[in-house]
Amino acid sequence: GVQEAACRALRNLTTNGAENRTRAGTAGAVETVAVTMRAHAGSAGVQEAACRALRNLTHNDAENRTRAGTAGAVEAVAAAMRAHAGSAGVQEAACRALMNLSVNDENKTRAGAAG
């Protein structure tokens, strides 16, 4: 669907570009990904694509990690892992996203509280 494709496009745009990560973060992309994860919690495809987008958005970007934490992205990633326990793609993408998100101490606390 559209949300999954948008998350994939965002992932591609932010793969190797700090400037694109900054622009996307400033434009509200991090918050939008978190909202998308909550709105499409039942779609493994959306969850996987969103986690991959979050991984790229938060790679070496402290501001985007903070944005993600404030937007509830850590909790959304944890929820995706629980909802799609049988999807290796979601599990891998979620673990990679959490790896970047948890560089931020507040996000580490959020991850622990989210289960």
PDB file of N, CA and C in Angstrom:
ATOM      1  N   GLY A   1       0.805  -1.186   0.000  1.00  0.00           N
ATOM      2  CA  GLY A   1       0.000   0.000   0.000  1.00  0.00           C
ATOM      3  C   GLY A   1       0.854   1.259   0.000  1.00  0.00           C
ATOM      4  N   VAL A   2       0.180   2.344   0.069  1.00  0.00           N
ATOM      5  CA  VAL A   2       0.821   3.662  -0.009  1.00  0.00           C
ATOM      6  C   VAL A   2       1.760   3.904   1.175  1.00  0.00           C
ATOM      7  N   GLN A   3       1.321   3.573   2.384  1.00  0.00           N
ATOM      8  CA  GLN A   3       2.150   3.825   3.565  1.00  0.00           C
ATOM      9  C   GLN A   3       3.440   3.021   3.528  1.00  0.00           C
ATOM     10  N   GLU A   4       3.327   1.778   3.117  1.00  0.00           N
ATOM     11  CA  GLU A   4       4.523   0.928   3.018  1.00  0.00           C
ATOM     12  C   GLU A   4       5.490   1.490   1.987  1.00  0.00           C
ATOM     13  N   ALA A   5       4.954   1.884   0.827  1.00  0.00           N
ATOM     14  CA  ALA A   5       5.800   2.456  -0.229  1.00  0.00           C
ATOM     15  C   ALA A   5       6.446   3.761   0.229  1.00  0.00           C
ATOM     16  N   ALA A   6       5.708   4.570   0.968  1.00  0.00           N
ATOM     17  CA  ALA A   6       6.256   5.838   1.460  1.00  0.00           C
ATOM     18  C   ALA A   6       7.403   5.582   2.437  1.00  0.00           C
ATOM     19  N   CYS A   7       7.229   4.599   3.309  1.00  0.00           N
ATOM     20  CA  CYS A   7       8.304   4.268   4.249  1.00  0.00           C
ATOM     21  C   CYS A   7       9.529   3.745   3.514  1.00  0.00           C
ATOM     22  N   ARG A   8       9.304   2.960   2.480  1.00  0.00           N
ATOM     23  CA  ARG A   8      10.439   2.463   1.680  1.00  0.00           C
ATOM     24  C   ARG A   8      11.156   3.606   0.983  1.00  0.00           C
ATOM     25  N   ALA A   9      10.390   4.541   0.448  1.00  0.00           N
ATOM     26  CA  ALA A   9      11.000   5.696  -0.221  1.00  0.00           C
ATOM     27  C   ALA A   9      11.814   6.521   0.772  1.00  0.00           C
ATOM     28  N   LEU A  10      11.262   6.726   1.957  1.00  0.00           N
ATOM     29  CA  LEU A  10      11.974   7.470   2.998  1.00  0.00           C
ATOM     30  C   LEU A  10      13.259   6.752   3.386  1.00  0.00           C
ATOM     31  N   ARG A  11      13.183   5.451   3.497  1.00  0.00           N
ATOM     32  CA  ARG A  11      14.387   4.660   3.796  1.00  0.00           C
ATOM     33  C   ARG A  11      15.441   4.877   2.721  1.00  0.00           C
ATOM     34  N   ASN A  12      15.029   4.814   1.459  1.00  0.00           N
ATOM     35  CA  ASN A  12      15.982   4.988   0.360  1.00  0.00           C
ATOM     36  C   ASN A  12      16.584   6.389   0.347  1.00  0.00           C
ATOM     37  N   LEU A  13      15.769   7.388   0.630  1.00  0.00           N
ATOM     38  CA  LEU A  13      16.253   8.768   0.619  1.00  0.00           C
ATOM     39  C   LEU A  13      17.255   9.052   1.728  1.00  0.00           C
ATOM     40  N   THR A  14      17.188   8.284   2.804  1.00  0.00           N
ATOM     41  CA  THR A  14      18.027   8.570   3.964  1.00  0.00           C
ATOM     42  C   THR A  14      19.127   7.539   4.189  1.00  0.00           C
ATOM     43  N   THR A  15      19.346   6.659   3.220  1.00  0.00           N
ATOM     44  CA  THR A  15      20.314   5.584   3.397  1.00  0.00           C
ATOM     45  C   THR A  15      21.728   6.091   3.624  1.00  0.00           C
ATOM     46  N   ASN A  16      22.220   6.953   2.781  1.00  0.00           N
ATOM     47  CA  ASN A  16      23.618   7.382   2.895  1.00  0.00           C
ATOM     48  C   ASN A  16      23.781   8.888   2.952  1.00  0.00           C
ATOM     49  N   GLY A  17      22.779   9.573   3.447  1.00  0.00           N
ATOM     50  CA  GLY A  17      22.884  11.027   3.421  1.00  0.00           C
ATOM     51  C   GLY A  17      22.480  11.695   4.708  1.00  0.00           C
ATOM     52  N   ALA A  18      23.465  12.218   5.430  1.00  0.00           N
ATOM     53  CA  ALA A  18      23.179  12.933   6.673  1.00  0.00           C
ATOM     54  C   ALA A  18      22.289  14.142   6.399  1.00  0.00           C
ATOM     55  N   GLU A  19      22.522  14.804   5.293  1.00  0.00           N
ATOM     56  CA  GLU A  19      21.718  15.989   4.964  1.00  0.00           C
ATOM     57  C   GLU A  19      20.258  15.605   4.748  1.00  0.00           C
ATOM     58  N   ASN A  20      20.021  14.494   4.054  1.00  0.00           N
ATOM     59  CA  ASN A  20      18.644  14.045   3.844  1.00  0.00           C
ATOM     60  C   ASN A  20      17.995  13.602   5.150  1.00  0.00           C
ATOM     61  N   ARG A  21      18.774  12.990   6.040  1.00  0.00           N
ATOM     62  CA  ARG A  21      18.231  12.607   7.352  1.00  0.00           C
ATOM     63  C   ARG A  21      17.796  13.849   8.123  1.00  0.00           C
ATOM     64  N   THR A  22      18.630  14.867   8.094  1.00  0.00           N
ATOM     65  CA  THR A  22      18.311  16.110   8.790  1.00  0.00           C
ATOM     66  C   THR A  22      17.071  16.765   8.193  1.00  0.00           C
ATOM     67  N   ARG A  23      17.018  16.837   6.876  1.00  0.00           N
ATOM     68  CA  ARG A  23      15.859  17.445   6.214  1.00  0.00           C
ATOM     69  C   ARG A  23      14.580  16.674   6.524  1.00  0.00           C
ATOM     70  N   ALA A  24      14.660  15.360   6.442  1.00  0.00           N
ATOM     71  CA  ALA A  24      13.482  14.532   6.717  1.00  0.00           C
ATOM     72  C   ALA A  24      13.019  14.709   8.159  1.00  0.00           C
ATOM     73  N   GLY A  25      13.975  14.731   9.083  1.00  0.00           N
ATOM     74  CA  GLY A  25      13.627  14.923  10.481  1.00  0.00           C
ATOM     75  C   GLY A  25      12.963  16.262  10.727  1.00  0.00           C
ATOM     76  N   THR A  26      13.516  17.309  10.148  1.00  0.00           N
ATOM     77  CA  THR A  26      12.964  18.654  10.302  1.00  0.00           C
ATOM     78  C   THR A  26      11.565  18.749   9.690  1.00  0.00           C
ATOM     79  N   ALA A  27      11.329  17.996   8.643  1.00  0.00           N
ATOM     80  CA  ALA A  27      10.030  18.019   7.953  1.00  0.00           C
ATOM     81  C   ALA A  27       8.962  17.187   8.662  1.00  0.00           C
ATOM     82  N   GLY A  28       9.350  16.463   9.722  1.00  0.00           N
ATOM     83  CA  GLY A  28       8.358  15.687  10.462  1.00  0.00           C
ATOM     84  C   GLY A  28       8.271  14.223  10.074  1.00  0.00           C
ATOM     85  N   ALA A  29       9.257  13.742   9.331  1.00  0.00           N
ATOM     86  CA  ALA A  29       9.207  12.350   8.858  1.00  0.00           C
ATOM     87  C   ALA A  29       9.251  11.342  10.005  1.00  0.00           C
ATOM     88  N   VAL A  30      10.034  11.615  11.026  1.00  0.00           N
ATOM     89  CA  VAL A  30      10.162  10.677  12.144  1.00  0.00           C
ATOM     90  C   VAL A  30       8.811  10.499  12.834  1.00  0.00           C
ATOM     91  N   GLU A  31       8.155  11.604  13.124  1.00  0.00           N
ATOM     92  CA  GLU A  31       6.850  11.556  13.771  1.00  0.00           C
ATOM     93  C   GLU A  31       5.818  10.866  12.881  1.00  0.00           C
ATOM     94  N   THR A  32       5.887  11.134  11.588  1.00  0.00           N
ATOM     95  CA  THR A  32       4.944  10.531  10.656  1.00  0.00           C
ATOM     96  C   THR A  32       5.123   9.014  10.591  1.00  0.00           C
ATOM     97  N   VAL A  33       6.352   8.550  10.634  1.00  0.00           N
ATOM     98  CA  VAL A  33       6.596   7.108  10.641  1.00  0.00           C
ATOM     99  C   VAL A  33       6.007   6.480  11.900  1.00  0.00           C
ATOM    100  N   ALA A  34       6.176   7.126  13.032  1.00  0.00           N
ATOM    101  CA  ALA A  34       5.616   6.604  14.284  1.00  0.00           C
ATOM    102  C   ALA A  34       4.090   6.536  14.218  1.00  0.00           C
ATOM    103  N   VAL A  35       3.470   7.565  13.687  1.00  0.00           N
ATOM    104  CA  VAL A  35       2.013   7.584  13.530  1.00  0.00           C
ATOM    105  C   VAL A  35       1.568   6.473  12.584  1.00  0.00           C
ATOM    106  N   THR A  36       2.302   6.293  11.507  1.00  0.00           N
ATOM    107  CA  THR A  36       1.993   5.247  10.528  1.00  0.00           C
ATOM    108  C   THR A  36       2.055   3.865  11.176  1.00  0.00           C
ATOM    109  N   MET A  37       3.053   3.652  12.017  1.00  0.00           N
ATOM    110  CA  MET A  37       3.174   2.356  12.684  1.00  0.00           C
ATOM    111  C   MET A  37       1.958   2.076  13.561  1.00  0.00           C
ATOM    112  N   ARG A  38       1.485   3.081  14.266  1.00  0.00           N
ATOM    113  CA  ARG A  38       0.311   2.888  15.125  1.00  0.00           C
ATOM    114  C   ARG A  38      -0.957   2.688  14.299  1.00  0.00           C
ATOM    115  N   ALA A  39      -1.068   3.422  13.198  1.00  0.00           N
ATOM    116  CA  ALA A  39      -2.281   3.346  12.369  1.00  0.00           C
ATOM    117  C   ALA A  39      -2.376   2.037  11.586  1.00  0.00           C
ATOM    118  N   HIS A  40      -1.247   1.421  11.304  1.00  0.00           N
ATOM    119  CA  HIS A  40      -1.222   0.194  10.493  1.00  0.00           C
ATOM    120  C   HIS A  40      -0.533  -0.932  11.247  1.00  0.00           C
ATOM    121  N   ALA A  41      -0.864  -1.055  12.519  1.00  0.00           N
ATOM    122  CA  ALA A  41      -0.204  -2.035  13.392  1.00  0.00           C
ATOM    123  C   ALA A  41      -0.362  -3.472  12.902  1.00  0.00           C
ATOM    124  N   GLY A  42      -1.433  -3.764  12.191  1.00  0.00           N
ATOM    125  CA  GLY A  42      -1.676  -5.126  11.730  1.00  0.00           C
ATOM    126  C   GLY A  42      -0.961  -5.512  10.454  1.00  0.00           C
ATOM    127  N   SER A  43      -0.302  -4.572   9.813  1.00  0.00           N
ATOM    128  CA  SER A  43       0.376  -4.851   8.542  1.00  0.00           C
ATOM    129  C   SER A  43       1.867  -5.089   8.764  1.00  0.00           C
ATOM    130  N   ALA A  44       2.287  -6.333   8.583  1.00  0.00           N
ATOM    131  CA  ALA A  44       3.706  -6.657   8.740  1.00  0.00           C
ATOM    132  C   ALA A  44       4.557  -5.885   7.743  1.00  0.00           C
ATOM    133  N   GLY A  45       4.057  -5.702   6.533  1.00  0.00           N
ATOM    134  CA  GLY A  45       4.808  -4.969   5.515  1.00  0.00           C
ATOM    135  C   GLY A  45       5.063  -3.528   5.909  1.00  0.00           C
ATOM    136  N   VAL A  46       4.039  -2.869   6.435  1.00  0.00           N
ATOM    137  CA  VAL A  46       4.201  -1.481   6.875  1.00  0.00           C
ATOM    138  C   VAL A  46       5.154  -1.427   8.062  1.00  0.00           C
ATOM    139  N   GLN A  47       4.995  -2.354   8.997  1.00  0.00           N
ATOM    140  CA  GLN A  47       5.853  -2.350  10.184  1.00  0.00           C
ATOM    141  C   GLN A  47       7.321  -2.550   9.805  1.00  0.00           C
ATOM    142  N   GLU A  48       7.587  -3.485   8.914  1.00  0.00           N
ATOM    143  CA  GLU A  48       8.966  -3.726   8.496  1.00  0.00           C
ATOM    144  C   GLU A  48       9.551  -2.500   7.791  1.00  0.00           C
ATOM    145  N   ALA A  49       8.782  -1.939   6.852  1.00  0.00           N
ATOM    146  CA  ALA A  49       9.266  -0.766   6.111  1.00  0.00           C
ATOM    147  C   ALA A  49       9.457   0.427   7.046  1.00  0.00           C
ATOM    148  N   ALA A  50       8.554   0.595   8.002  1.00  0.00           N
ATOM    149  CA  ALA A  50       8.665   1.709   8.941  1.00  0.00           C
ATOM    150  C   ALA A  50       9.885   1.549   9.839  1.00  0.00           C
ATOM    151  N   CYS A  51      10.132   0.328  10.301  1.00  0.00           N
ATOM    152  CA  CYS A  51      11.318   0.083  11.135  1.00  0.00           C
ATOM    153  C   CYS A  51      12.597   0.353  10.355  1.00  0.00           C
ATOM    154  N   ARG A  52      12.612  -0.038   9.096  1.00  0.00           N
ATOM    155  CA  ARG A  52      13.795   0.220   8.269  1.00  0.00           C
ATOM    156  C   ARG A  52      13.988   1.727   8.053  1.00  0.00           C
ATOM    157  N   ALA A  53      12.893   2.445   7.874  1.00  0.00           N
ATOM    158  CA  ALA A  53      12.983   3.899   7.727  1.00  0.00           C
ATOM    159  C   ALA A  53      13.500   4.528   9.027  1.00  0.00           C
ATOM    160  N   LEU A  54      12.978   4.072  10.155  1.00  0.00           N
ATOM    161  CA  LEU A  54      13.452   4.598  11.444  1.00  0.00           C
ATOM    162  C   LEU A  54      14.928   4.316  11.655  1.00  0.00           C
ATOM    163  N   ARG A  55      15.353   3.134  11.255  1.00  0.00           N
ATOM    164  CA  ARG A  55      16.779   2.798  11.396  1.00  0.00           C
ATOM    165  C   ARG A  55      17.632   3.822  10.666  1.00  0.00           C
ATOM    166  N   ASN A  56      17.261   4.140   9.436  1.00  0.00           N
ATOM    167  CA  ASN A  56      18.051   5.101   8.666  1.00  0.00           C
ATOM    168  C   ASN A  56      17.919   6.520   9.205  1.00  0.00           C
ATOM    169  N   LEU A  57      16.705   6.896   9.573  1.00  0.00           N
ATOM    170  CA  LEU A  57      16.484   8.250  10.073  1.00  0.00           C
ATOM    171  C   LEU A  57      17.266   8.529  11.351  1.00  0.00           C
ATOM    172  N   THR A  58      17.502   7.509  12.164  1.00  0.00           N
ATOM    173  CA  THR A  58      18.160   7.699  13.455  1.00  0.00           C
ATOM    174  C   THR A  58      19.641   7.322  13.445  1.00  0.00           C
ATOM    175  N   HIS A  59      20.153   6.927  12.290  1.00  0.00           N
ATOM    176  CA  HIS A  59      21.569   6.565  12.185  1.00  0.00           C
ATOM    177  C   HIS A  59      22.436   7.811  12.325  1.00  0.00           C
ATOM    178  N   ASN A  60      23.267   7.845  13.364  1.00  0.00           N
ATOM    179  CA  ASN A  60      24.163   8.982  13.614  1.00  0.00           C
ATOM    180  C   ASN A  60      23.431  10.322  13.626  1.00  0.00           C
ATOM    181  N   ASP A  61      22.200  10.338  14.130  1.00  0.00           N
ATOM    182  CA  ASP A  61      21.432  11.582  14.165  1.00  0.00           C
ATOM    183  C   ASP A  61      20.727  11.699  15.513  1.00  0.00           C
ATOM    184  N   ALA A  62      21.366  12.404  16.433  1.00  0.00           N
ATOM    185  CA  ALA A  62      20.843  12.535  17.795  1.00  0.00           C
ATOM    186  C   ALA A  62      19.488  13.228  17.825  1.00  0.00           C
ATOM    187  N   GLU A  63      19.305  14.242  16.993  1.00  0.00           N
ATOM    188  CA  GLU A  63      18.025  14.961  16.983  1.00  0.00           C
ATOM    189  C   GLU A  63      16.891  14.048  16.549  1.00  0.00           C
ATOM    190  N   ASN A  64      17.126  13.237  15.527  1.00  0.00           N
ATOM    191  CA  ASN A  64      16.076  12.332  15.075  1.00  0.00           C
ATOM    192  C   ASN A  64      15.811  11.224  16.096  1.00  0.00           C
ATOM    193  N   ARG A  65      16.839  10.809  16.833  1.00  0.00           N
ATOM    194  CA  ARG A  65      16.612   9.829  17.912  1.00  0.00           C
ATOM    195  C   ARG A  65      15.723  10.428  18.993  1.00  0.00           C
ATOM    196  N   THR A  66      15.971  11.690  19.328  1.00  0.00           N
ATOM    197  CA  THR A  66      15.133  12.370  20.313  1.00  0.00           C
ATOM    198  C   THR A  66      13.712  12.526  19.793  1.00  0.00           C
ATOM    199  N   ARG A  67      13.585  12.941  18.546  1.00  0.00           N
ATOM    200  CA  ARG A  67      12.254  13.069  17.929  1.00  0.00           C
ATOM    201  C   ARG A  67      11.501  11.743  17.986  1.00  0.00           C
ATOM    202  N   ALA A  68      12.206  10.674  17.652  1.00  0.00           N
ATOM    203  CA  ALA A  68      11.580   9.351  17.627  1.00  0.00           C
ATOM    204  C   ALA A  68      11.076   8.955  19.014  1.00  0.00           C
ATOM    205  N   GLY A  69      11.895   9.207  20.019  1.00  0.00           N
ATOM    206  CA  GLY A  69      11.481   8.881  21.374  1.00  0.00           C
ATOM    207  C   GLY A  69      10.253   9.657  21.793  1.00  0.00           C
ATOM    208  N   THR A  70      10.257  10.934  21.519  1.00  0.00           N
ATOM    209  CA  THR A  70       9.128  11.799  21.874  1.00  0.00           C
ATOM    210  C   THR A  70       7.860  11.393  21.132  1.00  0.00           C
ATOM    211  N   ALA A  71       8.015  10.923  19.903  1.00  0.00           N
ATOM    212  CA  ALA A  71       6.866  10.550  19.067  1.00  0.00           C
ATOM    213  C   ALA A  71       6.304   9.172  19.397  1.00  0.00           C
ATOM    214  N   GLY A  72       6.973   8.431  20.279  1.00  0.00           N
ATOM    215  CA  GLY A  72       6.486   7.100  20.615  1.00  0.00           C
ATOM    216  C   GLY A  72       6.965   6.007  19.680  1.00  0.00           C
ATOM    217  N   ALA A  73       8.024   6.285  18.933  1.00  0.00           N
ATOM    218  CA  ALA A  73       8.525   5.293  17.981  1.00  0.00           C
ATOM    219  C   ALA A  73       9.098   4.061  18.669  1.00  0.00           C
ATOM    220  N   VAL A  74       9.733   4.234  19.817  1.00  0.00           N
ATOM    221  CA  VAL A  74      10.311   3.086  20.529  1.00  0.00           C
ATOM    222  C   VAL A  74       9.196   2.115  20.912  1.00  0.00           C
ATOM    223  N   GLU A  75       8.114   2.658  21.456  1.00  0.00           N
ATOM    224  CA  GLU A  75       6.979   1.824  21.839  1.00  0.00           C
ATOM    225  C   GLU A  75       6.325   1.186  20.619  1.00  0.00           C
ATOM    226  N   ALA A  76       6.270   1.929  19.504  1.00  0.00           N
ATOM    227  CA  ALA A  76       5.679   1.386  18.278  1.00  0.00           C
ATOM    228  C   ALA A  76       6.514   0.229  17.739  1.00  0.00           C
ATOM    229  N   VAL A  77       7.832   0.335  17.831  1.00  0.00           N
ATOM    230  CA  VAL A  77       8.712  -0.747  17.385  1.00  0.00           C
ATOM    231  C   VAL A  77       8.520  -1.983  18.266  1.00  0.00           C
ATOM    232  N   ALA A  78       8.444  -1.772  19.561  1.00  0.00           N
ATOM    233  CA  ALA A  78       8.219  -2.900  20.480  1.00  0.00           C
ATOM    234  C   ALA A  78       6.877  -3.566  20.200  1.00  0.00           C
ATOM    235  N   ALA A  79       5.859  -2.762  19.938  1.00  0.00           N
ATOM    236  CA  ALA A  79       4.531  -3.307  19.620  1.00  0.00           C
ATOM    237  C   ALA A  79       4.570  -4.110  18.322  1.00  0.00           C
ATOM    238  N   ALA A  80       5.334  -3.628  17.340  1.00  0.00           N
ATOM    239  CA  ALA A  80       5.466  -4.349  16.070  1.00  0.00           C
ATOM    240  C   ALA A  80       6.115  -5.719  16.284  1.00  0.00           C
ATOM    241  N   MET A  81       7.106  -5.755  17.161  1.00  0.00           N
ATOM    242  CA  MET A  81       7.777  -7.028  17.448  1.00  0.00           C
ATOM    243  C   MET A  81       6.808  -8.022  18.085  1.00  0.00           C
ATOM    244  N   ARG A  82       5.968  -7.544  18.986  1.00  0.00           N
ATOM    245  CA  ARG A  82       4.991  -8.429  19.626  1.00  0.00           C
ATOM    246  C   ARG A  82       3.920  -8.877  18.642  1.00  0.00           C
ATOM    247  N   ALA A  83       3.412  -7.935  17.842  1.00  0.00           N
ATOM    248  CA  ALA A  83       2.314  -8.235  16.918  1.00  0.00           C
ATOM    249  C   ALA A  83       2.738  -9.143  15.772  1.00  0.00           C
ATOM    250  N   HIS A  84       4.003  -9.085  15.406  1.00  0.00           N
ATOM    251  CA  HIS A  84       4.483  -9.841  14.241  1.00  0.00           C
ATOM    252  C   HIS A  84       5.658 -10.733  14.632  1.00  0.00           C
ATOM    253  N   ALA A  85       5.463 -11.456  15.722  1.00  0.00           N
ATOM    254  CA  ALA A  85       6.521 -12.326  16.254  1.00  0.00           C
ATOM    255  C   ALA A  85       6.970 -13.377  15.246  1.00  0.00           C
ATOM    256  N   GLY A  86       6.100 -13.763  14.329  1.00  0.00           N
ATOM    257  CA  GLY A  86       6.438 -14.781  13.341  1.00  0.00           C
ATOM    258  C   GLY A  86       7.074 -14.247  12.074  1.00  0.00           C
ATOM    259  N   SER A  87       7.267 -12.950  11.988  1.00  0.00           N
ATOM    260  CA  SER A  87       7.848 -12.346  10.783  1.00  0.00           C
ATOM    261  C   SER A  87       9.323 -12.034  11.008  1.00  0.00           C
ATOM    262  N   ALA A  88      10.168 -12.801  10.371  1.00  0.00           N
ATOM    263  CA  ALA A  88      11.612 -12.571  10.506  1.00  0.00           C
ATOM    264  C   ALA A  88      11.989 -11.175  10.007  1.00  0.00           C
ATOM    265  N   GLY A  89      11.335 -10.703   8.958  1.00  0.00           N
ATOM    266  CA  GLY A  89      11.636  -9.383   8.422  1.00  0.00           C
ATOM    267  C   GLY A  89      11.338  -8.274   9.407  1.00  0.00           C
ATOM    268  N   VAL A  90      10.180  -8.358  10.076  1.00  0.00           N
ATOM    269  CA  VAL A  90       9.829  -7.354  11.077  1.00  0.00           C
ATOM    270  C   VAL A  90      10.796  -7.435  12.251  1.00  0.00           C
ATOM    271  N   GLN A  91      11.101  -8.645  12.695  1.00  0.00           N
ATOM    272  CA  GLN A  91      11.990  -8.803  13.852  1.00  0.00           C
ATOM    273  C   GLN A  91      13.375  -8.224  13.572  1.00  0.00           C
ATOM    274  N   GLU A  92      13.909  -8.519  12.405  1.00  0.00           N
ATOM    275  CA  GLU A  92      15.240  -8.002  12.054  1.00  0.00           C
ATOM    276  C   GLU A  92      15.228  -6.479  11.953  1.00  0.00           C
ATOM    277  N   ALA A  93      14.245  -5.942  11.219  1.00  0.00           N
ATOM    278  CA  ALA A  93      14.174  -4.489  11.034  1.00  0.00           C
ATOM    279  C   ALA A  93      13.956  -3.781  12.368  1.00  0.00           C
ATOM    280  N   ALA A  94      13.132  -4.367  13.226  1.00  0.00           N
ATOM    281  CA  ALA A  94      12.864  -3.765  14.534  1.00  0.00           C
ATOM    282  C   ALA A  94      14.113  -3.770  15.411  1.00  0.00           C
ATOM    283  N   CYS A  95      14.845  -4.870  15.400  1.00  0.00           N
ATOM    284  CA  CYS A  95      16.079  -4.930  16.196  1.00  0.00           C
ATOM    285  C   CYS A  95      17.087  -3.888  15.727  1.00  0.00           C
ATOM    286  N   ARG A  96      17.200  -3.724  14.426  1.00  0.00           N
ATOM    287  CA  ARG A  96      18.132  -2.724  13.896  1.00  0.00           C
ATOM    288  C   ARG A  96      17.692  -1.305  14.253  1.00  0.00           C
ATOM    289  N   ALA A  97      16.382  -1.073  14.193  1.00  0.00           N
ATOM    290  CA  ALA A  97      15.871   0.249  14.573  1.00  0.00           C
ATOM    291  C   ALA A  97      16.143   0.511  16.051  1.00  0.00           C
ATOM    292  N   LEU A  98      15.869  -0.487  16.893  1.00  0.00           N
ATOM    293  CA  LEU A  98      16.103  -0.313  18.335  1.00  0.00           C
ATOM    294  C   LEU A  98      17.573  -0.095  18.655  1.00  0.00           C
ATOM    295  N   MET A  99      18.441  -0.706  17.865  1.00  0.00           N
ATOM    296  CA  MET A  99      19.875  -0.516  18.074  1.00  0.00           C
ATOM    297  C   MET A  99      20.222   0.973  17.938  1.00  0.00           C
ATOM    298  N   ASN A 100      19.703   1.625  16.903  1.00  0.00           N
ATOM    299  CA  ASN A 100      19.978   3.053  16.710  1.00  0.00           C
ATOM    300  C   ASN A 100      19.222   3.903  17.720  1.00  0.00           C
ATOM    301  N   LEU A 101      17.971   3.564  17.957  1.00  0.00           N
ATOM    302  CA  LEU A 101      17.154   4.348  18.881  1.00  0.00           C
ATOM    303  C   LEU A 101      17.725   4.336  20.295  1.00  0.00           C
ATOM    304  N   SER A 102      18.279   3.202  20.705  1.00  0.00           N
ATOM    305  CA  SER A 102      18.720   3.056  22.091  1.00  0.00           C
ATOM    306  C   SER A 102      20.082   3.674  22.374  1.00  0.00           C
ATOM    307  N   VAL A 103      20.686   4.320  21.401  1.00  0.00           N
ATOM    308  CA  VAL A 103      21.890   5.109  21.671  1.00  0.00           C
ATOM    309  C   VAL A 103      21.524   6.252  22.617  1.00  0.00           C
ATOM    310  N   ASN A 104      20.290   6.707  22.526  1.00  0.00           N
ATOM    311  CA  ASN A 104      19.744   7.751  23.387  1.00  0.00           C
ATOM    312  C   ASN A 104      19.296   7.110  24.704  1.00  0.00           C
ATOM    313  N   ASP A 105      19.804   7.621  25.838  1.00  0.00           N
ATOM    314  CA  ASP A 105      19.499   7.027  27.145  1.00  0.00           C
ATOM    315  C   ASP A 105      18.010   7.016  27.462  1.00  0.00           C
ATOM    316  N   GLU A 106      17.296   8.083  27.120  1.00  0.00           N
ATOM    317  CA  GLU A 106      15.855   8.103  27.370  1.00  0.00           C
ATOM    318  C   GLU A 106      15.152   7.015  26.573  1.00  0.00           C
ATOM    319  N   ASN A 107      15.611   6.781  25.350  1.00  0.00           N
ATOM    320  CA  ASN A 107      15.013   5.729  24.522  1.00  0.00           C
ATOM    321  C   ASN A 107      15.319   4.342  25.074  1.00  0.00           C
ATOM    322  N   LYS A 108      16.492   4.170  25.694  1.00  0.00           N
ATOM    323  CA  LYS A 108      16.798   2.898  26.343  1.00  0.00           C
ATOM    324  C   LYS A 108      15.769   2.615  27.432  1.00  0.00           C
ATOM    325  N   THR A 109      15.470   3.627  28.217  1.00  0.00           N
ATOM    326  CA  THR A 109      14.474   3.492  29.277  1.00  0.00           C
ATOM    327  C   THR A 109      13.110   3.177  28.680  1.00  0.00           C
ATOM    328  N   ARG A 110      12.760   3.881  27.619  1.00  0.00           N
ATOM    329  CA  ARG A 110      11.476   3.635  26.946  1.00  0.00           C
ATOM    330  C   ARG A 110      11.409   2.190  26.438  1.00  0.00           C
ATOM    331  N   ALA A 111      12.494   1.714  25.856  1.00  0.00           N
ATOM    332  CA  ALA A 111      12.507   0.351  25.310  1.00  0.00           C
ATOM    333  C   ALA A 111      12.303  -0.675  26.432  1.00  0.00           C
ATOM    334  N   GLY A 112      12.961  -0.470  27.549  1.00  0.00           N
ATOM    335  CA  GLY A 112      12.794  -1.382  28.676  1.00  0.00           C
ATOM    336  C   GLY A 112      11.373  -1.383  29.197  1.00  0.00           C
ATOM    337  N   ALA A 113      10.774  -0.193  29.272  1.00  0.00           N
ATOM    338  CA  ALA A 113       9.407  -0.082  29.773  1.00  0.00           C
ATOM    339  C   ALA A 113       8.392  -0.665  28.784  1.00  0.00           C
ATOM    340  N   ALA A 114       8.726  -0.591  27.489  1.00  0.00           N
ATOM    341  CA  ALA A 114       7.810  -1.092  26.459  1.00  0.00           C
ATOM    342  C   ALA A 114       7.837  -2.607  26.330  1.00  0.00           C
ATOM    343  N   GLY A 115       8.852  -3.222  26.906  1.00  0.00           N
ATOM    344  CA  GLY A 115       8.925  -4.677  26.866  1.00  0.00           C
ATOM    345  C   GLY A 115       9.675  -5.134  25.675  1.00  0.00           C
TER     346      GLY A 115
END
